[in-house]
């Protein structure tokens, strides 16, 4: 009589161990939004390039260096303008 009384409980225990729940992890998807912006023509214009003469005096070399320095500063200003287009977001 004891075994008849205990067998339903044992059967419940065995079926409870037999069920397994599988929980899947959620998948995270990254969405990338690309936005195209028109770059103004004055920012994409070529930077001036100095011509080096065949006979160059020391004074001319200093003037040429100053012109090149000004051209580099102008180009750096253009690059900063292009970089600021992306920073507006």
N, C-alpha and C. Protein backbone atom coordinates (compact mmCIF):
# COMPACT_ATOMS: atom_id res chain seq x y z
N UNK A 1 0.81 -1.19 0.00
CA UNK A 1 0.00 0.00 0.00
C UNK A 1 0.86 1.27 0.00
N UNK A 2 2.02 1.18 0.65
CA UNK A 2 2.90 2.33 0.68
C UNK A 2 3.43 2.63 -0.71
N UNK A 3 3.77 1.62 -1.47
CA UNK A 3 4.30 1.86 -2.80
C UNK A 3 3.23 2.46 -3.72
N UNK A 4 2.00 2.06 -3.54
CA UNK A 4 0.92 2.63 -4.34
C UNK A 4 0.71 4.11 -3.97
N UNK A 5 0.95 4.40 -2.74
CA UNK A 5 0.79 5.78 -2.27
C UNK A 5 1.96 6.66 -2.74
N UNK A 6 3.19 6.12 -2.78
CA UNK A 6 4.38 6.88 -3.15
C UNK A 6 4.59 6.96 -4.66
N UNK A 7 4.08 6.05 -5.44
CA UNK A 7 4.35 6.02 -6.87
C UNK A 7 3.84 7.27 -7.61
N UNK A 8 2.68 7.87 -7.30
CA UNK A 8 2.31 9.10 -8.01
C UNK A 8 3.27 10.26 -7.72
N UNK A 9 3.79 10.31 -6.51
CA UNK A 9 4.74 11.37 -6.18
C UNK A 9 6.07 11.17 -6.92
N UNK A 10 6.52 9.93 -6.99
CA UNK A 10 7.74 9.65 -7.73
C UNK A 10 7.55 9.94 -9.22
N UNK A 11 6.39 9.61 -9.72
CA UNK A 11 6.11 9.88 -11.14
C UNK A 11 6.12 11.39 -11.41
N UNK A 12 5.56 12.19 -10.48
CA UNK A 12 5.59 13.65 -10.63
C UNK A 12 7.02 14.19 -10.59
N UNK A 13 7.83 13.65 -9.71
CA UNK A 13 9.22 14.09 -9.61
C UNK A 13 9.99 13.76 -10.89
N UNK A 14 9.78 12.60 -11.45
CA UNK A 14 10.50 12.22 -12.66
C UNK A 14 10.07 13.06 -13.86
N UNK A 15 8.80 13.36 -13.96
CA UNK A 15 8.36 14.17 -15.10
C UNK A 15 8.82 15.63 -14.93
N UNK A 16 8.94 16.11 -13.71
CA UNK A 16 9.41 17.48 -13.49
C UNK A 16 10.88 17.61 -13.88
N UNK A 17 11.66 16.59 -13.68
CA UNK A 17 13.07 16.64 -14.06
C UNK A 17 13.25 16.46 -15.56
N UNK A 18 12.30 15.86 -16.21
CA UNK A 18 12.42 15.58 -17.63
C UNK A 18 12.14 16.79 -18.50
N UNK A 19 11.44 17.79 -18.00
CA UNK A 19 11.14 18.95 -18.85
C UNK A 19 12.28 19.96 -18.73
N UNK A 20 12.70 20.49 -19.84
CA UNK A 20 13.78 21.45 -19.85
C UNK A 20 13.34 22.65 -20.67
N UNK A 21 13.49 23.81 -20.12
CA UNK A 21 13.15 25.04 -20.82
C UNK A 21 14.41 25.67 -21.36
N UNK A 22 14.40 25.98 -22.63
CA UNK A 22 15.55 26.63 -23.25
C UNK A 22 15.17 28.07 -23.53
N UNK A 23 15.94 28.96 -22.94
CA UNK A 23 15.69 30.38 -23.14
C UNK A 23 16.83 30.92 -24.00
N UNK A 24 16.49 31.45 -25.17
CA UNK A 24 17.50 31.98 -26.07
C UNK A 24 17.79 33.44 -25.72
N UNK A 25 19.05 33.80 -25.88
CA UNK A 25 19.44 35.19 -25.63
C UNK A 25 18.91 36.06 -26.75
N UNK A 26 18.50 37.27 -26.43
CA UNK A 26 18.06 38.18 -27.50
C UNK A 26 19.26 38.62 -28.34
N UNK A 27 19.04 38.78 -29.62
CA UNK A 27 20.09 39.20 -30.53
C UNK A 27 19.98 40.71 -30.71
N UNK A 28 21.11 41.38 -30.52
CA UNK A 28 21.14 42.83 -30.64
C UNK A 28 21.61 43.18 -32.05
N UNK A 29 20.83 43.96 -32.76
CA UNK A 29 21.18 44.40 -34.10
C UNK A 29 21.52 45.88 -34.05
N UNK A 30 22.64 46.23 -34.66
CA UNK A 30 23.03 47.63 -34.70
C UNK A 30 22.58 48.23 -36.03
N UNK A 31 21.91 49.34 -35.94
CA UNK A 31 21.42 50.02 -37.13
C UNK A 31 22.32 51.23 -37.38
N UNK A 32 22.89 51.29 -38.57
CA UNK A 32 23.77 52.39 -38.93
C UNK A 32 23.05 53.26 -39.94
N UNK A 33 23.00 54.54 -39.66
CA UNK A 33 22.34 55.49 -40.56
C UNK A 33 23.41 56.36 -41.20
N UNK A 34 23.44 56.34 -42.51
CA UNK A 34 24.41 57.13 -43.25
C UNK A 34 23.68 58.30 -43.88
N UNK A 35 24.20 59.47 -43.63
CA UNK A 35 23.59 60.69 -44.17
C UNK A 35 24.64 61.40 -45.02
N UNK A 36 24.30 61.66 -46.26
CA UNK A 36 25.22 62.33 -47.16
C UNK A 36 24.97 63.83 -47.12
N UNK A 37 26.05 64.56 -47.04
CA UNK A 37 25.96 66.02 -47.04
C UNK A 37 26.81 66.56 -48.17
N UNK A 38 26.34 67.61 -48.77
CA UNK A 38 27.09 68.25 -49.85
C UNK A 38 28.20 69.11 -49.23
N UNK A 39 29.41 68.92 -49.72
CA UNK A 39 30.54 69.73 -49.24
C UNK A 39 30.64 70.95 -50.15
N UNK A 40 30.67 72.15 -49.58
CA UNK A 40 30.77 73.36 -50.41
C UNK A 40 32.02 73.35 -51.29
N UNK A 41 31.89 73.94 -52.47
CA UNK A 41 32.98 73.94 -53.45
C UNK A 41 34.21 74.68 -52.95
N UNK A 42 34.02 75.71 -52.14
CA UNK A 42 35.19 76.46 -51.66
C UNK A 42 36.04 75.62 -50.70
N UNK A 43 35.46 74.59 -50.09
CA UNK A 43 36.23 73.73 -49.19
C UNK A 43 36.96 72.63 -49.95
N UNK A 44 36.53 72.33 -51.18
CA UNK A 44 37.17 71.27 -51.94
C UNK A 44 38.10 71.80 -53.02
N UNK A 45 38.27 73.11 -53.12
CA UNK A 45 39.17 73.69 -54.12
C UNK A 45 40.62 73.34 -53.78
N UNK A 46 41.42 73.16 -54.80
CA UNK A 46 42.82 72.81 -54.59
C UNK A 46 43.57 73.96 -53.91
N UNK A 47 44.53 73.59 -53.10
CA UNK A 47 45.36 74.59 -52.42
C UNK A 47 46.44 75.09 -53.38
N UNK A 48 46.82 76.35 -53.26
CA UNK A 48 47.83 76.88 -54.18
C UNK A 48 49.20 76.24 -53.93
N UNK A 49 49.93 76.08 -55.00
CA UNK A 49 51.27 75.48 -54.92
C UNK A 49 52.27 76.49 -55.47
N UNK A 50 53.29 76.79 -54.72
CA UNK A 50 54.29 77.76 -55.15
C UNK A 50 55.26 77.13 -56.14
N UNK A 51 55.62 77.90 -57.13
CA UNK A 51 56.63 77.46 -58.10
C UNK A 51 58.00 77.89 -57.61
N UNK A 52 58.94 76.98 -57.66
CA UNK A 52 60.30 77.29 -57.21
C UNK A 52 61.11 77.71 -58.44
N UNK A 53 61.63 78.94 -58.43
CA UNK A 53 62.43 79.39 -59.59
C UNK A 53 63.77 78.66 -59.64
N UNK A 54 64.38 78.67 -60.83
CA UNK A 54 65.68 77.99 -61.00
C UNK A 54 66.76 78.63 -60.14
N UNK A 55 66.85 79.95 -60.17
CA UNK A 55 67.84 80.62 -59.32
C UNK A 55 67.08 81.25 -58.15
N UNK A 56 67.40 80.79 -56.96
CA UNK A 56 66.66 81.20 -55.77
C UNK A 56 67.62 81.86 -54.79
N UNK A 57 67.35 83.10 -54.45
CA UNK A 57 68.18 83.78 -53.45
C UNK A 57 67.61 83.49 -52.06
N UNK A 58 68.38 83.87 -51.07
CA UNK A 58 67.93 83.63 -49.70
C UNK A 58 66.65 84.41 -49.40
N UNK A 59 66.56 85.62 -49.86
CA UNK A 59 65.37 86.44 -49.64
C UNK A 59 64.15 85.85 -50.34
N UNK A 60 64.35 85.37 -51.56
CA UNK A 60 63.24 84.73 -52.28
C UNK A 60 62.80 83.45 -51.57
N UNK A 61 63.75 82.72 -51.00
CA UNK A 61 63.41 81.47 -50.28
C UNK A 61 62.55 81.78 -49.06
N UNK A 62 62.86 82.87 -48.37
CA UNK A 62 62.07 83.26 -47.20
C UNK A 62 60.67 83.66 -47.63
N UNK A 63 60.55 84.41 -48.74
CA UNK A 63 59.24 84.79 -49.24
C UNK A 63 58.43 83.56 -49.69
N UNK A 64 59.13 82.63 -50.35
CA UNK A 64 58.48 81.40 -50.79
C UNK A 64 57.99 80.59 -49.60
N UNK A 65 58.80 80.54 -48.55
CA UNK A 65 58.41 79.83 -47.34
C UNK A 65 57.17 80.48 -46.71
N UNK A 66 57.13 81.81 -46.70
CA UNK A 66 55.98 82.52 -46.12
C UNK A 66 54.72 82.26 -46.94
N UNK A 67 54.85 82.24 -48.27
CA UNK A 67 53.70 81.94 -49.12
C UNK A 67 53.19 80.52 -48.88
N UNK A 68 54.13 79.58 -48.80
CA UNK A 68 53.74 78.19 -48.55
C UNK A 68 53.10 78.03 -47.17
N UNK A 69 53.63 78.74 -46.21
CA UNK A 69 53.06 78.69 -44.86
C UNK A 69 51.61 79.21 -44.86
N UNK A 70 51.36 80.29 -45.59
CA UNK A 70 50.01 80.84 -45.69
C UNK A 70 49.08 79.87 -46.42
N UNK A 71 49.60 79.19 -47.45
CA UNK A 71 48.79 78.21 -48.18
C UNK A 71 48.44 77.03 -47.29
N UNK A 72 49.38 76.59 -46.47
CA UNK A 72 49.11 75.47 -45.55
C UNK A 72 48.06 75.86 -44.52
N UNK A 73 48.16 77.07 -44.00
CA UNK A 73 47.15 77.54 -43.04
C UNK A 73 45.77 77.61 -43.69
N UNK A 74 45.72 78.04 -44.95
CA UNK A 74 44.45 78.11 -45.66
C UNK A 74 43.87 76.70 -45.85
N UNK A 75 44.72 75.75 -46.21
CA UNK A 75 44.25 74.36 -46.39
C UNK A 75 43.79 73.76 -45.06
N UNK A 76 44.49 74.07 -43.98
CA UNK A 76 44.07 73.57 -42.67
C UNK A 76 42.72 74.16 -42.29
N UNK A 77 42.47 75.41 -42.67
CA UNK A 77 41.16 76.01 -42.42
C UNK A 77 40.06 75.30 -43.20
N UNK A 78 40.37 74.90 -44.44
CA UNK A 78 39.39 74.15 -45.24
C UNK A 78 39.10 72.80 -44.59
N UNK A 79 40.14 72.12 -44.13
CA UNK A 79 39.94 70.82 -43.49
C UNK A 79 39.12 70.95 -42.21
N UNK A 80 39.35 72.01 -41.47
CA UNK A 80 38.55 72.24 -40.26
C UNK A 80 37.08 72.47 -40.63
N UNK A 81 36.85 73.17 -41.75
CA UNK A 81 35.48 73.38 -42.22
C UNK A 81 34.81 72.08 -42.61
N UNK A 82 35.55 71.18 -43.26
CA UNK A 82 35.00 69.87 -43.64
C UNK A 82 34.72 69.04 -42.40
N UNK A 83 35.63 69.07 -41.42
CA UNK A 83 35.42 68.32 -40.18
C UNK A 83 34.20 68.85 -39.41
N UNK A 84 33.96 70.15 -39.48
CA UNK A 84 32.82 70.70 -38.75
C UNK A 84 31.50 70.28 -39.37
N UNK A 85 31.49 69.89 -40.64
CA UNK A 85 30.27 69.38 -41.26
C UNK A 85 29.81 68.10 -40.58
N UNK A 86 30.75 67.24 -40.20
CA UNK A 86 30.41 65.98 -39.53
C UNK A 86 30.09 66.17 -38.06
N UNK A 87 30.52 67.28 -37.46
CA UNK A 87 30.31 67.51 -36.03
C UNK A 87 28.94 68.13 -35.75
N UNK A 88 28.18 68.49 -36.79
CA UNK A 88 26.88 69.12 -36.59
C UNK A 88 25.81 68.17 -36.08
N UNK A 89 26.13 66.89 -36.06
CA UNK A 89 25.11 65.88 -35.69
C UNK A 89 24.74 65.97 -34.27
